[in-house]
Amino acid sequence: MLVRTLAEATGNERDVKAPNGHWRSRRLLLADDGMGYSFHITNIFAGTETYIHYKHHLESVYCIRGRGEVETIEDGQIYPIEPGTLYNLDKHDAHKLRAFEELELACVFNPPITGREVHGKDGAYPPSE
């Protein structure tokens, strides 16, 4: 059995911060853990907007705390995010994530990421190996 606490993923190589300062992701479960998906607790900081387009990954996001919205680029649809909301990027949806308050999100990626990924200029993480 694999057991890991949030504290164990804080302040080390599992604690990844965006170069632009918009988010922080503590990566509790990664590709080398062998589960077939990765699991992260991510904070999106208040007043930020982040363009994201996971071309190589599917993601499910559950809001634990905070308030914001996600806007899909293709159709301009806006979805409010608040505690208890789950949104799923099931079509590799390009989107903008806005945080009105700091968001605390539980995120699952398939395929799993390796751990040090940050968004490229195209909004994507590189393909998993």
N, C-alpha and C. Protein backbone atom coordinates (compact mmCIF):
# COMPACT_ATOMS: atom_id res chain seq x y z
N MET A 1 0.84 -1.19 0.00
CA MET A 1 0.00 0.00 0.00
C MET A 1 0.88 1.24 0.00
N LEU A 2 0.48 2.20 -0.78
CA LEU A 2 1.20 3.48 -0.85
C LEU A 2 0.40 4.51 -0.06
N VAL A 3 1.04 5.12 0.92
CA VAL A 3 0.42 6.17 1.71
C VAL A 3 1.36 7.37 1.70
N ARG A 4 0.81 8.53 1.39
CA ARG A 4 1.61 9.75 1.35
C ARG A 4 0.74 10.90 1.84
N THR A 5 1.30 11.77 2.66
CA THR A 5 0.55 12.93 3.17
C THR A 5 0.88 14.17 2.35
N LEU A 6 0.01 15.15 2.43
CA LEU A 6 0.27 16.43 1.77
C LEU A 6 1.56 17.04 2.29
N ALA A 7 1.81 16.92 3.57
CA ALA A 7 3.05 17.45 4.16
C ALA A 7 4.28 16.81 3.53
N GLU A 8 4.20 15.53 3.17
CA GLU A 8 5.32 14.84 2.55
C GLU A 8 5.57 15.29 1.12
N ALA A 9 4.60 15.97 0.51
CA ALA A 9 4.75 16.48 -0.86
C ALA A 9 4.94 18.00 -0.86
N THR A 10 5.33 18.55 0.27
CA THR A 10 5.50 19.99 0.42
C THR A 10 6.97 20.31 0.71
N GLY A 11 7.48 21.33 0.01
CA GLY A 11 8.84 21.78 0.26
C GLY A 11 9.93 20.89 -0.32
N ASN A 12 9.57 20.08 -1.33
CA ASN A 12 10.56 19.21 -1.96
C ASN A 12 10.27 19.14 -3.46
N GLU A 13 10.83 18.14 -4.15
CA GLU A 13 10.68 18.06 -5.60
C GLU A 13 9.24 17.81 -6.05
N ARG A 14 8.37 17.39 -5.15
CA ARG A 14 6.95 17.19 -5.48
C ARG A 14 6.14 18.48 -5.37
N ASP A 15 6.74 19.53 -4.88
CA ASP A 15 6.09 20.83 -4.67
C ASP A 15 6.53 21.74 -5.82
N VAL A 16 5.68 21.90 -6.83
CA VAL A 16 6.05 22.61 -8.06
C VAL A 16 5.26 23.91 -8.15
N LYS A 17 5.99 24.98 -8.47
CA LYS A 17 5.37 26.30 -8.60
C LYS A 17 5.50 26.78 -10.05
N ALA A 18 4.44 27.43 -10.53
CA ALA A 18 4.45 27.96 -11.89
C ALA A 18 5.48 29.06 -12.01
N PRO A 19 6.23 29.09 -13.12
CA PRO A 19 7.20 30.17 -13.33
C PRO A 19 6.56 31.57 -13.27
N ASN A 20 5.29 31.68 -13.68
CA ASN A 20 4.62 32.99 -13.65
C ASN A 20 3.97 33.30 -12.31
N GLY A 21 4.07 32.38 -11.34
CA GLY A 21 3.54 32.62 -10.00
C GLY A 21 2.04 32.42 -9.86
N HIS A 22 1.36 31.86 -10.86
CA HIS A 22 -0.10 31.73 -10.82
C HIS A 22 -0.59 30.54 -10.00
N TRP A 23 0.24 29.52 -9.84
CA TRP A 23 -0.21 28.32 -9.15
C TRP A 23 0.94 27.59 -8.47
N ARG A 24 0.52 26.68 -7.59
CA ARG A 24 1.42 25.77 -6.89
C ARG A 24 0.75 24.41 -6.88
N SER A 25 1.50 23.36 -7.20
CA SER A 25 0.96 22.01 -7.27
C SER A 25 1.79 21.07 -6.42
N ARG A 26 1.15 20.44 -5.44
CA ARG A 26 1.82 19.43 -4.63
C ARG A 26 1.36 18.08 -5.15
N ARG A 27 2.31 17.35 -5.68
CA ARG A 27 2.04 16.16 -6.47
C ARG A 27 2.20 14.90 -5.61
N LEU A 28 1.08 14.43 -5.14
CA LEU A 28 1.07 13.31 -4.21
C LEU A 28 1.29 11.96 -4.87
N LEU A 29 0.86 11.83 -6.11
CA LEU A 29 0.98 10.56 -6.83
C LEU A 29 1.46 10.87 -8.24
N LEU A 30 2.54 10.21 -8.66
CA LEU A 30 3.15 10.47 -9.97
C LEU A 30 3.31 9.18 -10.76
N ALA A 31 3.76 9.32 -11.99
CA ALA A 31 3.90 8.17 -12.90
C ALA A 31 4.71 7.04 -12.27
N ASP A 32 5.81 7.38 -11.62
CA ASP A 32 6.67 6.32 -11.07
C ASP A 32 6.06 5.61 -9.86
N ASP A 33 4.91 6.08 -9.39
CA ASP A 33 4.19 5.36 -8.33
C ASP A 33 3.39 4.18 -8.90
N GLY A 34 3.24 4.12 -10.24
CA GLY A 34 2.67 2.96 -10.90
C GLY A 34 1.17 2.78 -10.81
N MET A 35 0.43 3.83 -10.54
CA MET A 35 -1.03 3.71 -10.42
C MET A 35 -1.77 3.95 -11.75
N GLY A 36 -1.08 4.47 -12.77
CA GLY A 36 -1.73 4.73 -14.04
C GLY A 36 -2.37 6.11 -14.16
N TYR A 37 -2.28 6.91 -13.12
CA TYR A 37 -2.75 8.29 -13.11
C TYR A 37 -1.92 9.04 -12.08
N SER A 38 -1.98 10.36 -12.12
CA SER A 38 -1.32 11.15 -11.07
C SER A 38 -2.39 11.97 -10.34
N PHE A 39 -2.08 12.33 -9.10
CA PHE A 39 -3.01 13.05 -8.23
C PHE A 39 -2.27 14.20 -7.57
N HIS A 40 -2.87 15.38 -7.65
CA HIS A 40 -2.22 16.60 -7.15
C HIS A 40 -3.21 17.43 -6.34
N ILE A 41 -2.70 18.18 -5.40
CA ILE A 41 -3.45 19.26 -4.76
C ILE A 41 -2.82 20.54 -5.29
N THR A 42 -3.63 21.32 -6.00
CA THR A 42 -3.13 22.52 -6.68
C THR A 42 -3.84 23.74 -6.15
N ASN A 43 -3.07 24.79 -5.88
CA ASN A 43 -3.62 26.08 -5.49
C ASN A 43 -3.44 27.04 -6.66
N ILE A 44 -4.54 27.67 -7.07
CA ILE A 44 -4.52 28.71 -8.10
C ILE A 44 -4.72 30.02 -7.35
N PHE A 45 -3.79 30.94 -7.50
CA PHE A 45 -3.80 32.13 -6.66
C PHE A 45 -4.80 33.17 -7.14
N ALA A 46 -5.41 33.86 -6.18
CA ALA A 46 -6.46 34.84 -6.44
C ALA A 46 -5.99 35.90 -7.43
N GLY A 47 -6.90 36.29 -8.33
CA GLY A 47 -6.62 37.35 -9.28
C GLY A 47 -5.84 36.91 -10.50
N THR A 48 -5.64 35.60 -10.68
CA THR A 48 -4.87 35.12 -11.82
C THR A 48 -5.77 34.52 -12.89
N GLU A 49 -5.25 34.52 -14.11
CA GLU A 49 -5.87 33.83 -15.24
C GLU A 49 -4.77 33.03 -15.91
N THR A 50 -5.03 31.74 -16.11
CA THR A 50 -4.04 30.84 -16.69
C THR A 50 -4.63 30.15 -17.91
N TYR A 51 -3.93 30.26 -19.03
CA TYR A 51 -4.32 29.53 -20.25
C TYR A 51 -3.75 28.12 -20.15
N ILE A 52 -4.62 27.12 -20.36
CA ILE A 52 -4.22 25.72 -20.25
C ILE A 52 -4.80 24.95 -21.43
N HIS A 53 -3.98 24.07 -22.00
CA HIS A 53 -4.46 23.22 -23.08
C HIS A 53 -3.70 21.89 -23.01
N TYR A 54 -4.24 20.97 -22.24
CA TYR A 54 -3.59 19.66 -22.08
C TYR A 54 -3.83 18.82 -23.32
N LYS A 55 -2.93 18.90 -24.28
CA LYS A 55 -3.04 18.18 -25.54
C LYS A 55 -2.75 16.69 -25.38
N HIS A 56 -2.00 16.35 -24.34
CA HIS A 56 -1.51 14.98 -24.16
C HIS A 56 -2.08 14.29 -22.93
N HIS A 57 -2.92 14.99 -22.18
CA HIS A 57 -3.45 14.46 -20.92
C HIS A 57 -4.94 14.76 -20.81
N LEU A 58 -5.64 13.92 -20.10
CA LEU A 58 -7.00 14.20 -19.65
C LEU A 58 -6.89 14.59 -18.18
N GLU A 59 -7.76 15.50 -17.73
CA GLU A 59 -7.70 15.95 -16.34
C GLU A 59 -9.11 16.07 -15.78
N SER A 60 -9.25 15.63 -14.53
CA SER A 60 -10.45 15.89 -13.73
C SER A 60 -10.03 16.77 -12.57
N VAL A 61 -10.86 17.78 -12.28
CA VAL A 61 -10.53 18.78 -11.25
C VAL A 61 -11.72 18.94 -10.32
N TYR A 62 -11.48 18.77 -9.01
CA TYR A 62 -12.50 18.94 -7.99
C TYR A 62 -12.12 20.12 -7.11
N CYS A 63 -13.04 21.07 -6.95
CA CYS A 63 -12.78 22.25 -6.13
C CYS A 63 -13.05 21.96 -4.65
N ILE A 64 -12.02 22.13 -3.85
CA ILE A 64 -12.13 21.96 -2.40
C ILE A 64 -12.48 23.28 -1.74
N ARG A 65 -11.84 24.37 -2.24
CA ARG A 65 -11.99 25.68 -1.60
C ARG A 65 -11.80 26.77 -2.65
N GLY A 66 -12.49 27.89 -2.46
CA GLY A 66 -12.30 29.06 -3.30
C GLY A 66 -13.39 29.22 -4.35
N ARG A 67 -13.21 30.24 -5.17
CA ARG A 67 -14.20 30.57 -6.19
C ARG A 67 -13.50 31.08 -7.43
N GLY A 68 -13.98 30.64 -8.59
CA GLY A 68 -13.40 31.06 -9.85
C GLY A 68 -14.27 30.62 -11.00
N GLU A 69 -13.66 30.51 -12.18
CA GLU A 69 -14.39 30.03 -13.35
C GLU A 69 -13.41 29.45 -14.35
N VAL A 70 -13.96 28.60 -15.21
CA VAL A 70 -13.20 28.04 -16.33
C VAL A 70 -13.96 28.41 -17.60
N GLU A 71 -13.23 28.91 -18.60
CA GLU A 71 -13.82 29.29 -19.87
C GLU A 71 -13.21 28.43 -20.97
N THR A 72 -14.05 27.71 -21.71
CA THR A 72 -13.55 26.92 -22.82
C THR A 72 -13.33 27.83 -24.02
N ILE A 73 -12.17 27.69 -24.65
CA ILE A 73 -11.77 28.57 -25.75
C ILE A 73 -12.63 28.33 -26.99
N GLU A 74 -12.90 27.08 -27.30
CA GLU A 74 -13.59 26.75 -28.54
C GLU A 74 -14.96 27.44 -28.66
N ASP A 75 -15.71 27.46 -27.54
CA ASP A 75 -17.07 28.01 -27.62
C ASP A 75 -17.34 29.18 -26.69
N GLY A 76 -16.34 29.58 -25.89
CA GLY A 76 -16.51 30.72 -25.00
C GLY A 76 -17.43 30.45 -23.81
N GLN A 77 -17.80 29.20 -23.60
CA GLN A 77 -18.67 28.85 -22.47
C GLN A 77 -17.92 29.06 -21.16
N ILE A 78 -18.60 29.64 -20.18
CA ILE A 78 -18.01 29.90 -18.87
C ILE A 78 -18.72 29.04 -17.83
N TYR A 79 -17.92 28.34 -17.03
CA TYR A 79 -18.44 27.47 -15.98
C TYR A 79 -17.94 27.97 -14.63
N PRO A 80 -18.85 28.30 -13.71
CA PRO A 80 -18.41 28.73 -12.38
C PRO A 80 -17.78 27.57 -11.61
N ILE A 81 -16.80 27.90 -10.80
CA ILE A 81 -16.14 26.91 -9.94
C ILE A 81 -16.31 27.38 -8.50
N GLU A 82 -16.76 26.48 -7.67
CA GLU A 82 -16.89 26.73 -6.22
C GLU A 82 -16.74 25.39 -5.53
N PRO A 83 -16.61 25.37 -4.21
CA PRO A 83 -16.45 24.09 -3.51
C PRO A 83 -17.55 23.11 -3.90
N GLY A 84 -17.14 21.90 -4.22
CA GLY A 84 -18.05 20.85 -4.62
C GLY A 84 -18.19 20.69 -6.12
N THR A 85 -17.56 21.58 -6.91
CA THR A 85 -17.63 21.50 -8.37
C THR A 85 -16.54 20.56 -8.90
N LEU A 86 -16.92 19.67 -9.82
CA LEU A 86 -15.99 18.83 -10.55
C LEU A 86 -16.08 19.20 -12.02
N TYR A 87 -14.94 19.53 -12.62
CA TYR A 87 -14.94 19.69 -14.08
C TYR A 87 -13.91 18.77 -14.68
N ASN A 88 -14.22 18.31 -15.91
CA ASN A 88 -13.43 17.27 -16.56
C ASN A 88 -13.06 17.72 -17.96
N LEU A 89 -11.79 17.76 -18.24
CA LEU A 89 -11.28 18.14 -19.56
C LEU A 89 -11.17 16.88 -20.40
N ASP A 90 -12.33 16.39 -20.82
CA ASP A 90 -12.43 15.09 -21.48
C ASP A 90 -12.16 15.13 -22.97
N LYS A 91 -11.99 16.33 -23.52
CA LYS A 91 -11.72 16.47 -24.95
C LYS A 91 -10.46 17.30 -25.19
N HIS A 92 -9.55 17.25 -24.21
CA HIS A 92 -8.31 18.04 -24.30
C HIS A 92 -8.65 19.52 -24.50
N ASP A 93 -9.69 19.97 -23.80
CA ASP A 93 -10.24 21.31 -23.98
C ASP A 93 -9.23 22.40 -23.64
N ALA A 94 -8.96 23.29 -24.62
CA ALA A 94 -8.20 24.51 -24.33
C ALA A 94 -9.11 25.40 -23.49
N HIS A 95 -8.56 25.99 -22.42
CA HIS A 95 -9.40 26.78 -21.53
C HIS A 95 -8.58 27.82 -20.78
N LYS A 96 -9.30 28.77 -20.20
CA LYS A 96 -8.72 29.75 -19.29
C LYS A 96 -9.30 29.47 -17.92
N LEU A 97 -8.42 29.39 -16.94
CA LEU A 97 -8.82 29.17 -15.55
C LEU A 97 -8.60 30.48 -14.79
N ARG A 98 -9.66 31.00 -14.21
CA ARG A 98 -9.58 32.26 -13.47
C ARG A 98 -9.92 32.01 -12.00
N ALA A 99 -9.12 32.59 -11.13
CA ALA A 99 -9.36 32.47 -9.69
C ALA A 99 -9.77 33.83 -9.14
N PHE A 100 -11.01 33.93 -8.66
CA PHE A 100 -11.47 35.16 -8.02
C PHE A 100 -11.00 35.19 -6.57
N GLU A 101 -10.99 34.02 -5.95
CA GLU A 101 -10.39 33.78 -4.64
C GLU A 101 -9.38 32.66 -4.86
N GLU A 102 -8.49 32.45 -3.91
CA GLU A 102 -7.56 31.33 -4.08
C GLU A 102 -8.35 30.02 -4.17
N LEU A 103 -8.06 29.26 -5.20
CA LEU A 103 -8.69 27.96 -5.40
C LEU A 103 -7.78 26.86 -4.87
N GLU A 104 -8.35 25.93 -4.16
CA GLU A 104 -7.65 24.70 -3.80
C GLU A 104 -8.36 23.57 -4.53
N LEU A 105 -7.62 22.88 -5.39
CA LEU A 105 -8.18 21.90 -6.31
C LEU A 105 -7.50 20.55 -6.16
N ALA A 106 -8.28 19.49 -6.23
CA ALA A 106 -7.75 18.13 -6.31
C ALA A 106 -7.80 17.73 -7.78
N CYS A 107 -6.65 17.36 -8.35
CA CYS A 107 -6.54 17.12 -9.79
C CYS A 107 -6.01 15.72 -10.06
N VAL A 108 -6.62 15.07 -11.06
CA VAL A 108 -6.19 13.75 -11.49
C VAL A 108 -5.83 13.84 -12.97
N PHE A 109 -4.65 13.32 -13.34
CA PHE A 109 -4.18 13.33 -14.72
C PHE A 109 -4.03 11.91 -15.25
N ASN A 110 -4.47 11.72 -16.49
CA ASN A 110 -4.29 10.47 -17.19
C ASN A 110 -3.83 10.81 -18.61
N PRO A 111 -2.69 10.30 -19.08
CA PRO A 111 -1.73 9.50 -18.32
C PRO A 111 -1.08 10.33 -17.22
N PRO A 112 -0.47 9.66 -16.27
CA PRO A 112 0.15 10.38 -15.15
C PRO A 112 1.33 11.22 -15.61
N ILE A 113 1.55 12.30 -14.88
CA ILE A 113 2.74 13.11 -15.16
C ILE A 113 3.90 12.60 -14.31
N THR A 114 5.10 13.04 -14.66
CA THR A 114 6.29 12.57 -13.96
C THR A 114 6.64 13.41 -12.74
N GLY A 115 6.20 14.67 -12.73
CA GLY A 115 6.38 15.45 -11.51
C GLY A 115 6.87 16.87 -11.66
N ARG A 116 7.74 17.18 -12.62
CA ARG A 116 8.30 18.52 -12.71
C ARG A 116 7.64 19.36 -13.80
N GLU A 117 6.62 18.85 -14.46
CA GLU A 117 5.99 19.56 -15.56
C GLU A 117 5.41 20.91 -15.13
N VAL A 118 5.56 21.87 -16.03
CA VAL A 118 4.86 23.15 -15.96
C VAL A 118 4.30 23.41 -17.36
N HIS A 119 3.34 24.32 -17.47
CA HIS A 119 2.72 24.59 -18.77
C HIS A 119 3.71 25.23 -19.72
N GLY A 120 3.76 24.71 -20.95
CA GLY A 120 4.55 25.35 -21.99
C GLY A 120 3.82 26.55 -22.55
N LYS A 121 4.42 27.21 -23.51
CA LYS A 121 3.79 28.39 -24.14
C LYS A 121 2.45 28.05 -24.77
N ASP A 122 2.28 26.78 -25.16
CA ASP A 122 1.03 26.34 -25.77
C ASP A 122 0.00 25.90 -24.73
N GLY A 123 0.31 26.07 -23.44
CA GLY A 123 -0.61 25.72 -22.37
C GLY A 123 -0.59 24.26 -21.97
N ALA A 124 0.26 23.46 -22.60
CA ALA A 124 0.28 22.00 -22.37
C ALA A 124 1.47 21.58 -21.54
N TYR A 125 1.33 20.41 -20.94
CA TYR A 125 2.47 19.68 -20.40
C TYR A 125 3.03 18.85 -21.55
N PRO A 126 4.30 18.52 -21.54
CA PRO A 126 4.83 17.65 -22.59
C PRO A 126 4.21 16.27 -22.52
N PRO A 127 4.25 15.51 -23.60
CA PRO A 127 3.69 14.14 -23.56
C PRO A 127 4.37 13.30 -22.49
N SER A 128 3.61 12.41 -21.88
CA SER A 128 4.18 11.49 -20.90
C SER A 128 5.04 10.48 -21.63
N GLU A 129 6.07 10.04 -20.96
CA GLU A 129 6.99 9.07 -21.58
C GLU A 129 6.56 7.65 -21.28
